[in-house]
Amino acid sequence: MGGNVTHETHHWRRNQTAVTTATFMGFMSFTLVMPFLPLYFEQLGVQSTRSVAIWSGLSLGVTPAVTAAMAPVWARLAERYGRKMMVARSLISFMVIMGALAFVRAPWQVFVLRAIQGFFAGYGPIALTMAAESAPPEQMATAIGWVQTAQRLGPALGPVIGGTLAHSVGLRGAFLVSAAVYLAAFLLVLVGYRESDTRKDVPAALPAKVTFAELRVVPHFLLFMGAVFGMQLADRSLGPILPLYLREIGVAPESVAFLAGILFTITAGSAAIGNLSSRWLLTQRSEGVLVAVMVGVASIAALVFAAGPPIGVLLGAAAGFGLALGVATTSIYTVASQSVTAERRGGAFAYLTSAYLLGLAVSPVVAGFIGSVSMRAVFLADAAGLALVAWLVKRGMVDAAR
């Protein structure tokens, strides 16, 4: 009996290590290159800053847009053929596409490859489910937490490594390095994760289908979706314009890629700290107050960015921006999970994730078009949008409670 327990413990920990490490590698590999897409378009011959911003916004936005449309399809296929196969399929396709991006010769080719990438994406939520399925019930929260941490820490580390790679081997070389990391992640899942014993009870555990009509009557659920969308709209607006904005405010051209990587890393890293600290903060303040205050802090940080301050102040603003959005986002997901029954929780998270992906898709496109007119206007729009979200949360949750 004891030997069997030891074997099962080893089995789930092996799976946990494989899926967490592969998730970290995949998310890190993606951010090795994508923050520097504006610079890549310049290398491809796009001349004007306006055109660079538009191409960057469209190319960054098309992937999550296609991902959102395909997510239900891949989820159904994962139930039928296994999640391991779906994650492996996604990782190997990313390897091929990242390698192909190193050899493009025109901006439209980047856009097309990014659209194809969205078609095969979506391994993040499936990886969370793999971790949950593999873990014993008492370890399920820990398993999910580790994968979520990997999804945050990967993007925190990726840009600074990518900035170094862009400086040393060039952007085309960085795409090839990214492809190699995806290959390693694919092999890790293929060899390290064992699915056969972990899915035998899955069909009985599938949640009932939850409709939007059922969820819209849940207190504040529409507000939760709007807040998640609004925060992502601001959070992801930096991608198409940050390197161009740094150059505009006087950063030396040879330092732009590295500094942009540092800023992206600080933002993602502080967001991860915010995710982890939200549980404790929710014991100190009500969820409405906490979310409203944090979104307000992010709005102020966006205003600081718009002012074009010295580098040290920019670094501090990036830390505050990421931390505040990290706390607010995790707090909303926590409150949402407590507002619905266990049977509805999966459906509720699915709709919140749809709002997240929609913000992910729309943000770089909108930022690209606004940035083509004025870089500073992007940060001013972010500040105004976040201030509106903070006001709506205060009015809908704090004032209503009083």
Protein backbone atom coordinates (compact mmCIF):
# COMPACT_ATOMS: atom_id res chain seq x y z
CA MET A 1 0.00 0.00 0.00
CA GLY A 2 2.73 2.43 0.99
CA GLY A 3 4.66 1.58 -2.16
CA ASN A 4 1.60 2.31 -4.29
CA VAL A 5 1.15 5.72 -2.63
CA THR A 6 4.80 6.50 -3.21
CA HIS A 7 4.46 5.52 -6.88
CA GLU A 8 1.38 7.72 -7.33
CA THR A 9 3.12 10.64 -5.62
CA HIS A 10 6.12 10.25 -7.92
CA HIS A 11 3.77 9.93 -10.91
CA TRP A 12 1.86 13.16 -10.34
CA ARG A 13 4.96 15.11 -9.35
CA ARG A 14 6.66 13.97 -12.55
CA ASN A 15 3.66 15.14 -14.55
CA GLN A 16 3.55 18.40 -12.59
CA THR A 17 7.22 19.08 -13.28
CA ALA A 18 6.83 18.32 -16.98
CA VAL A 19 3.75 20.45 -17.59
CA THR A 20 4.93 23.36 -15.44
CA THR A 21 8.39 23.47 -17.03
CA ALA A 22 7.00 23.11 -20.55
CA THR A 23 4.50 25.91 -19.87
CA PHE A 24 7.26 28.17 -18.59
CA MET A 25 9.42 27.42 -21.63
CA GLY A 26 6.56 28.01 -24.06
CA PHE A 27 5.47 31.33 -22.55
CA MET A 28 9.07 32.49 -22.22
CA SER A 29 9.88 31.51 -25.80
CA PHE A 30 6.96 33.50 -27.14
CA THR A 31 8.14 36.68 -25.40
CA LEU A 32 11.73 36.24 -26.57
CA VAL A 33 10.72 37.91 -29.83
CA MET A 34 7.18 39.34 -29.84
CA PRO A 35 7.97 42.50 -27.80
CA PHE A 36 10.43 43.46 -30.54
CA LEU A 37 8.09 42.96 -33.48
CA PRO A 38 8.05 46.73 -34.27
CA LEU A 39 11.82 46.64 -34.75
CA TYR A 40 11.48 43.56 -36.94
CA PHE A 41 9.04 45.33 -39.24
CA GLU A 42 11.57 48.11 -39.68
CA GLN A 43 14.14 45.51 -40.73
CA LEU A 44 11.60 44.24 -43.28
CA GLY A 45 11.52 47.65 -44.91
CA VAL A 46 8.52 49.33 -43.31
CA GLN A 47 9.54 52.98 -43.37
CA SER A 48 7.12 55.18 -41.44
CA THR A 49 6.48 54.92 -37.71
CA ARG A 50 2.75 54.98 -38.46
CA SER A 51 2.99 51.91 -40.68
CA VAL A 52 5.19 50.07 -38.18
CA ALA A 53 2.66 50.68 -35.40
CA ILE A 54 -0.25 49.48 -37.55
CA TRP A 55 1.52 46.33 -38.78
CA SER A 56 2.64 45.54 -35.23
CA GLY A 57 -0.83 46.02 -33.80
CA LEU A 58 -2.48 43.84 -36.45
CA SER A 59 0.13 41.09 -36.15
CA LEU A 60 0.04 41.01 -32.36
CA GLY A 61 -3.76 41.10 -32.26
CA VAL A 62 -4.57 38.46 -34.87
CA THR A 63 -3.15 35.53 -32.87
CA PRO A 64 -5.36 35.87 -29.76
CA ALA A 65 -8.36 36.69 -31.97
CA VAL A 66 -8.00 33.41 -33.86
CA THR A 67 -7.15 31.61 -30.60
CA ALA A 68 -10.41 32.79 -29.02
CA ALA A 69 -12.38 31.48 -32.01
CA MET A 70 -10.62 28.10 -32.02
CA ALA A 71 -10.50 27.49 -28.26
CA PRO A 72 -13.83 25.59 -28.04
CA VAL A 73 -12.80 23.38 -30.96
CA TRP A 74 -9.48 22.40 -29.39
CA ALA A 75 -11.17 21.88 -26.02
CA ARG A 76 -13.59 19.37 -27.53
CA LEU A 77 -10.77 17.59 -29.35
CA ALA A 78 -8.78 17.46 -26.10
CA GLU A 79 -11.69 15.72 -24.39
CA ARG A 80 -11.86 13.17 -27.20
CA TYR A 81 -8.19 12.52 -28.00
CA GLY A 82 -6.35 13.61 -24.86
CA ARG A 83 -4.92 16.88 -23.62
CA LYS A 84 -1.31 15.77 -23.97
CA MET A 85 -1.77 15.39 -27.72
CA MET A 86 -3.32 18.86 -28.00
CA VAL A 87 -0.51 20.53 -26.06
CA ALA A 88 2.15 18.65 -28.03
CA ARG A 89 0.43 19.64 -31.28
CA SER A 90 0.42 23.29 -30.25
CA LEU A 91 4.07 23.35 -29.15
CA ILE A 92 5.41 21.67 -32.28
CA SER A 93 3.39 24.01 -34.51
CA PHE A 94 4.81 27.00 -32.64
CA MET A 95 8.31 25.64 -33.28
CA VAL A 96 7.64 25.51 -37.04
CA ILE A 97 6.03 28.95 -37.17
CA MET A 98 8.71 30.67 -35.09
CA GLY A 99 11.35 29.14 -37.33
CA ALA A 100 9.49 30.34 -40.42
CA LEU A 101 9.26 33.88 -39.01
CA ALA A 102 13.06 34.05 -39.10
CA PHE A 103 12.98 33.86 -42.91
CA VAL A 104 10.12 36.18 -43.89
CA ARG A 105 10.79 38.95 -46.38
CA ALA A 106 7.60 41.05 -46.21
CA PRO A 107 5.28 42.37 -43.46
CA TRP A 108 2.24 40.52 -44.78
CA GLN A 109 4.10 37.23 -44.31
CA VAL A 110 4.49 38.00 -40.59
CA PHE A 111 0.77 38.70 -40.34
CA VAL A 112 -0.18 35.46 -42.10
CA LEU A 113 2.13 33.36 -39.93
CA ARG A 114 0.78 35.02 -36.79
CA ALA A 115 -2.77 34.18 -37.92
CA ILE A 116 -1.75 30.55 -38.44
CA GLN A 117 -0.11 30.60 -35.01
CA GLY A 118 -3.45 31.61 -33.47
CA PHE A 119 -5.11 28.64 -35.14
CA PHE A 120 -2.78 26.22 -33.35
CA ALA A 121 -2.46 28.11 -30.04
CA GLY A 122 -4.38 27.63 -26.80
CA TYR A 123 -2.13 25.24 -24.87
CA GLY A 124 -2.14 27.44 -21.75
CA PRO A 125 -5.65 26.56 -20.45
CA ILE A 126 -5.18 22.91 -21.47
CA ALA A 127 -1.94 22.77 -19.49
CA LEU A 128 -3.82 23.99 -16.40
CA THR A 129 -6.33 21.18 -16.83
CA MET A 130 -3.54 18.63 -17.30
CA ALA A 131 -2.00 19.71 -14.00
CA ALA A 132 -5.35 19.52 -12.22
CA GLU A 133 -6.20 16.08 -13.63
CA SER A 134 -2.85 14.60 -12.72
CA ALA A 135 -2.73 15.84 -9.13
CA PRO A 136 -4.41 14.19 -6.13
CA PRO A 137 -7.42 16.22 -4.86
CA GLU A 138 -5.53 17.68 -1.92
CA GLN A 139 -2.76 18.91 -4.25
CA MET A 140 -4.95 20.29 -7.03
CA ALA A 141 -4.75 23.97 -5.98
CA THR A 142 -0.97 23.72 -5.70
CA ALA A 143 -0.70 22.11 -9.14
CA ILE A 144 -2.80 24.80 -10.80
CA GLY A 145 -0.95 27.53 -8.91
CA TRP A 146 2.43 26.37 -10.17
CA VAL A 147 1.29 26.36 -13.80
CA GLN A 148 -0.21 29.84 -13.40
CA THR A 149 3.07 31.03 -11.91
CA ALA A 150 4.94 29.56 -14.89
CA GLN A 151 2.60 31.44 -17.23
CA ARG A 152 3.56 34.69 -15.50
CA LEU A 153 7.27 34.11 -14.92
CA GLY A 154 7.89 32.98 -18.51
CA PRO A 155 6.84 36.36 -19.96
CA ALA A 156 8.72 38.09 -17.13
CA LEU A 157 12.02 36.50 -18.11
CA GLY A 158 11.51 36.23 -21.88
CA PRO A 159 11.79 39.90 -22.93
CA VAL A 160 15.07 40.58 -21.13
CA ILE A 161 16.62 37.45 -22.67
CA GLY A 162 15.12 38.40 -26.01
CA GLY A 163 16.58 41.88 -25.79
CA THR A 164 20.01 40.39 -25.20
CA LEU A 165 19.53 37.96 -28.10
CA ALA A 166 18.36 40.75 -30.41
CA HIS A 167 21.53 42.65 -29.57
CA SER A 168 23.88 39.66 -29.96
CA VAL A 169 22.45 37.44 -32.74
CA GLY A 170 19.86 39.73 -34.29
CA LEU A 171 16.09 39.43 -34.43
CA ARG A 172 16.12 36.65 -37.04
CA GLY A 173 18.45 34.64 -34.84
CA ALA A 174 16.17 35.26 -31.86
CA PHE A 175 13.28 33.66 -33.77
CA LEU A 176 15.41 30.56 -34.34
CA VAL A 177 16.31 30.39 -30.64
CA SER A 178 12.60 30.66 -29.83
CA ALA A 179 11.87 27.74 -32.19
CA ALA A 180 14.53 25.64 -30.45
CA VAL A 181 12.99 26.31 -27.03
CA TYR A 182 9.57 25.25 -28.32
CA LEU A 183 11.11 22.02 -29.60
CA ALA A 184 12.56 21.35 -26.15
CA ALA A 185 9.18 22.02 -24.51
CA PHE A 186 7.48 19.65 -26.98
CA LEU A 187 9.95 16.86 -26.17
CA LEU A 188 9.50 17.46 -22.44
CA VAL A 189 5.72 17.02 -22.66
CA LEU A 190 6.07 14.04 -24.98
CA VAL A 191 8.49 12.18 -22.72
CA GLY A 192 7.81 13.55 -19.26
CA TYR A 193 4.01 13.67 -19.03
CA ARG A 194 2.09 10.40 -18.64
CA GLU A 195 -1.60 10.78 -19.37
CA SER A 196 -2.98 7.25 -19.54
CA ASP A 197 -3.66 6.79 -15.83
CA THR A 198 -4.89 10.33 -15.21
CA ARG A 199 -7.83 10.51 -17.61
CA LYS A 200 -9.78 7.41 -16.75
CA ASP A 201 -12.24 9.32 -14.57
CA VAL A 202 -12.41 12.45 -16.68
CA PRO A 203 -15.73 11.85 -18.51
CA ALA A 204 -17.60 11.55 -15.22
CA ALA A 205 -16.06 14.78 -13.98
CA LEU A 206 -16.97 16.92 -16.97
CA PRO A 207 -18.96 20.00 -15.86
CA ALA A 208 -22.43 20.63 -17.18
CA LYS A 209 -22.75 23.18 -19.94
CA VAL A 210 -23.32 26.66 -18.55
CA THR A 211 -25.04 29.34 -20.60
CA PHE A 212 -24.32 33.04 -20.61
CA ALA A 213 -27.95 33.71 -19.68
CA GLU A 214 -27.37 31.81 -16.43
CA LEU A 215 -24.20 33.70 -15.61
CA ARG A 216 -25.39 37.19 -16.44
CA VAL A 217 -27.74 37.10 -13.40
CA VAL A 218 -24.81 36.29 -11.08
CA PRO A 219 -24.07 39.47 -9.08
CA HIS A 220 -21.40 41.60 -10.76
CA PHE A 221 -20.52 38.96 -13.38
CA LEU A 222 -20.96 41.33 -16.33
CA LEU A 223 -18.86 43.84 -14.41
CA PHE A 224 -16.17 41.18 -13.92
CA MET A 225 -16.09 40.49 -17.66
CA GLY A 226 -15.91 44.19 -18.50
CA ALA A 227 -13.13 44.78 -15.98
CA VAL A 228 -11.05 41.86 -17.29
CA PHE A 229 -11.50 43.13 -20.85
CA GLY A 230 -10.61 46.72 -19.90
CA MET A 231 -7.50 45.72 -17.98
CA GLN A 232 -6.25 43.56 -20.83
CA LEU A 233 -6.95 46.39 -23.25
CA ALA A 234 -4.48 48.53 -21.30
CA ASP A 235 -2.04 45.78 -20.33
CA ARG A 236 -1.40 44.60 -23.89
CA SER A 237 -1.24 48.03 -25.50
CA LEU A 238 2.50 48.32 -24.81
CA GLY A 239 3.48 45.65 -27.35
CA PRO A 240 3.04 47.57 -30.62
CA ILE A 241 4.46 50.90 -29.47
CA LEU A 242 6.85 50.65 -26.51
CA PRO A 243 10.12 50.25 -28.47
CA LEU A 244 9.07 53.08 -30.81
CA TYR A 245 8.04 55.26 -27.86
CA LEU A 246 11.36 54.74 -26.09
CA ARG A 247 13.18 55.95 -29.16
CA GLU A 248 10.82 58.91 -29.43
CA ILE A 249 11.59 60.08 -25.88
CA GLY A 250 15.33 59.97 -26.49
CA VAL A 251 16.61 56.47 -25.69
CA ALA A 252 19.69 55.64 -27.79
CA PRO A 253 18.77 53.37 -30.75
CA GLU A 254 21.26 50.68 -29.73
CA SER A 255 19.66 50.48 -26.26
CA VAL A 256 16.00 50.42 -27.29
CA ALA A 257 15.61 46.64 -27.59
CA PHE A 258 17.35 45.93 -24.29
CA LEU A 259 15.46 48.63 -22.35
CA ALA A 260 12.13 47.55 -23.85
CA GLY A 261 12.92 44.01 -22.73
CA ILE A 262 13.66 45.22 -19.20
CA LEU A 263 10.39 47.16 -19.05
CA PHE A 264 8.35 44.21 -20.33
CA THR A 265 10.08 41.94 -17.82
CA ILE A 266 9.45 44.28 -14.89
CA THR A 267 5.79 44.62 -15.86
CA ALA A 268 5.26 40.86 -16.15
CA GLY A 269 7.32 40.05 -13.05
CA SER A 270 5.49 42.57 -10.87
CA ALA A 271 2.17 41.23 -12.23
CA ALA A 272 3.21 37.75 -11.05
CA ILE A 273 3.90 39.18 -7.58
CA GLY A 274 0.47 40.79 -7.70
CA ASN A 275 -1.12 37.45 -8.56
CA LEU A 276 0.53 35.79 -5.58
CA SER A 277 -0.21 38.61 -3.11
CA SER A 278 -3.89 39.07 -3.98
CA ARG A 279 -5.01 36.24 -1.71
CA TRP A 280 -3.55 37.98 1.35
CA LEU A 281 -4.75 41.42 0.24
CA LEU A 282 -8.30 40.15 -0.08
CA THR A 283 -8.20 39.34 3.64
CA GLN A 284 -7.31 42.95 4.38
CA ARG A 285 -9.75 44.81 2.13
CA SER A 286 -13.07 44.07 0.46
CA GLU A 287 -12.80 42.88 -3.12
CA GLY A 288 -14.53 45.96 -4.55
CA VAL A 289 -12.24 48.39 -2.77
CA LEU A 290 -9.13 46.39 -3.61
CA VAL A 291 -9.92 46.09 -7.33
CA ALA A 292 -10.95 49.75 -7.64
CA VAL A 293 -7.79 50.99 -5.89
CA MET A 294 -5.46 48.74 -7.87
CA VAL A 295 -6.97 49.69 -11.23
CA GLY A 296 -6.68 53.33 -10.18
CA VAL A 297 -2.98 52.82 -9.42
CA ALA A 298 -2.51 51.31 -12.89
CA SER A 299 -4.23 54.35 -14.39
CA ILE A 300 -1.78 56.67 -12.64
CA ALA A 301 1.16 54.55 -13.84
CA ALA A 302 -0.10 54.90 -17.43
CA LEU A 303 -0.14 58.69 -16.99
CA VAL A 304 3.48 58.56 -15.81
CA PHE A 305 4.40 56.67 -18.99
CA ALA A 306 2.66 59.33 -21.09
CA ALA A 307 4.81 62.04 -19.49
CA GLY A 308 7.99 60.52 -20.95
CA PRO A 309 9.92 60.64 -17.65
CA PRO A 310 13.52 59.59 -16.95
CA ILE A 311 14.35 55.89 -17.24
CA GLY A 312 14.33 55.29 -13.49
CA VAL A 313 10.81 56.67 -13.19
CA LEU A 314 9.70 54.56 -16.17
CA LEU A 315 10.99 51.43 -14.43
CA GLY A 316 9.05 52.32 -11.29
CA ALA A 317 5.89 53.03 -13.30
CA ALA A 318 6.21 49.66 -15.05
CA ALA A 319 6.48 47.91 -11.68
CA GLY A 320 3.43 49.71 -10.31
CA PHE A 321 1.44 49.09 -13.50
CA GLY A 322 2.11 45.35 -13.52
CA LEU A 323 1.63 44.86 -9.77
CA ALA A 324 -1.70 46.68 -9.72
CA LEU A 325 -3.13 44.81 -12.71
CA GLY A 326 -1.88 41.49 -11.33
CA VAL A 327 -3.65 42.03 -8.01
CA ALA A 328 -6.84 43.26 -9.65
CA THR A 329 -7.05 40.44 -12.21
CA THR A 330 -6.51 37.61 -9.74
CA SER A 331 -8.90 39.22 -7.27
CA ILE A 332 -11.65 39.29 -9.90
CA TYR A 333 -11.12 35.63 -10.79
CA THR A 334 -11.15 34.72 -7.09
CA VAL A 335 -14.37 36.62 -6.40
CA ALA A 336 -15.98 35.19 -9.53
CA SER A 337 -15.15 31.64 -8.43
CA GLN A 338 -16.78 32.34 -5.06
CA SER A 339 -19.88 33.84 -6.68
CA VAL A 340 -20.93 30.71 -8.57
CA THR A 341 -21.53 27.09 -7.68
CA ALA A 342 -18.87 24.48 -8.37
CA GLU A 343 -20.88 23.21 -11.35
CA ARG A 344 -20.85 26.66 -12.95
CA ARG A 345 -17.26 27.55 -12.16
CA GLY A 346 -15.78 26.10 -15.35
CA GLY A 347 -18.32 27.94 -17.49
CA ALA A 348 -17.74 31.17 -15.59
CA PHE A 349 -14.00 30.93 -16.13
CA ALA A 350 -14.58 30.20 -19.81
CA TYR A 351 -16.51 33.44 -20.27
CA LEU A 352 -13.96 35.43 -18.27
CA THR A 353 -11.22 33.92 -20.43
CA SER A 354 -13.17 34.95 -23.54
CA ALA A 355 -13.20 38.54 -22.25
CA TYR A 356 -9.47 38.22 -21.55
CA LEU A 357 -8.73 36.93 -25.07
CA LEU A 358 -10.92 39.60 -26.65
CA GLY A 359 -8.93 42.29 -24.84
CA LEU A 360 -5.75 40.52 -25.91
CA ALA A 361 -6.86 40.63 -29.54
CA VAL A 362 -8.29 44.15 -29.67
CA SER A 363 -5.63 45.93 -27.62
CA PRO A 364 -2.60 45.78 -29.96
CA VAL A 365 -4.76 46.68 -32.97
CA VAL A 366 -6.24 49.73 -31.25
CA ALA A 367 -2.85 50.70 -29.80
CA GLY A 368 -1.25 50.35 -33.22
CA PHE A 369 -3.75 52.70 -34.86
CA ILE A 370 -3.66 55.24 -32.01
CA GLY A 371 0.14 55.01 -31.92
CA SER A 372 0.31 55.75 -35.63
CA VAL A 373 -1.03 59.21 -34.75
CA SER A 374 0.60 59.73 -31.33
CA MET A 375 2.56 57.38 -29.08
CA ARG A 376 1.70 59.34 -25.96
CA ALA A 377 -1.99 59.14 -26.82
CA VAL A 378 -1.86 55.36 -26.28
CA PHE A 379 -0.86 55.80 -22.64
CA LEU A 380 -3.40 58.60 -22.16
CA ALA A 381 -6.11 56.32 -23.57
CA ASP A 382 -4.94 53.55 -21.22
CA ALA A 383 -5.14 55.91 -18.24
CA ALA A 384 -8.64 57.05 -19.19
CA GLY A 385 -9.87 53.50 -19.78
CA LEU A 386 -8.48 52.21 -16.50
CA ALA A 387 -9.95 55.17 -14.62
CA LEU A 388 -13.33 54.27 -16.12
CA VAL A 389 -12.95 50.64 -15.01
CA ALA A 390 -12.01 51.76 -11.48
CA TRP A 391 -15.08 54.02 -11.33
CA LEU A 392 -17.40 51.29 -12.58
CA VAL A 393 -16.06 48.80 -10.02
CA LYS A 394 -16.43 51.35 -7.22
CA ARG A 395 -19.96 52.21 -8.30
CA GLY A 396 -21.03 48.62 -8.95
CA MET A 397 -19.41 46.87 -5.98
CA VAL A 398 -18.37 49.35 -3.28
CA ASP A 399 -21.21 51.87 -3.47
CA ALA A 400 -23.81 49.16 -4.06
CA ALA A 401 -22.63 47.28 -0.96
CA ARG A 402 -23.07 50.41 1.13
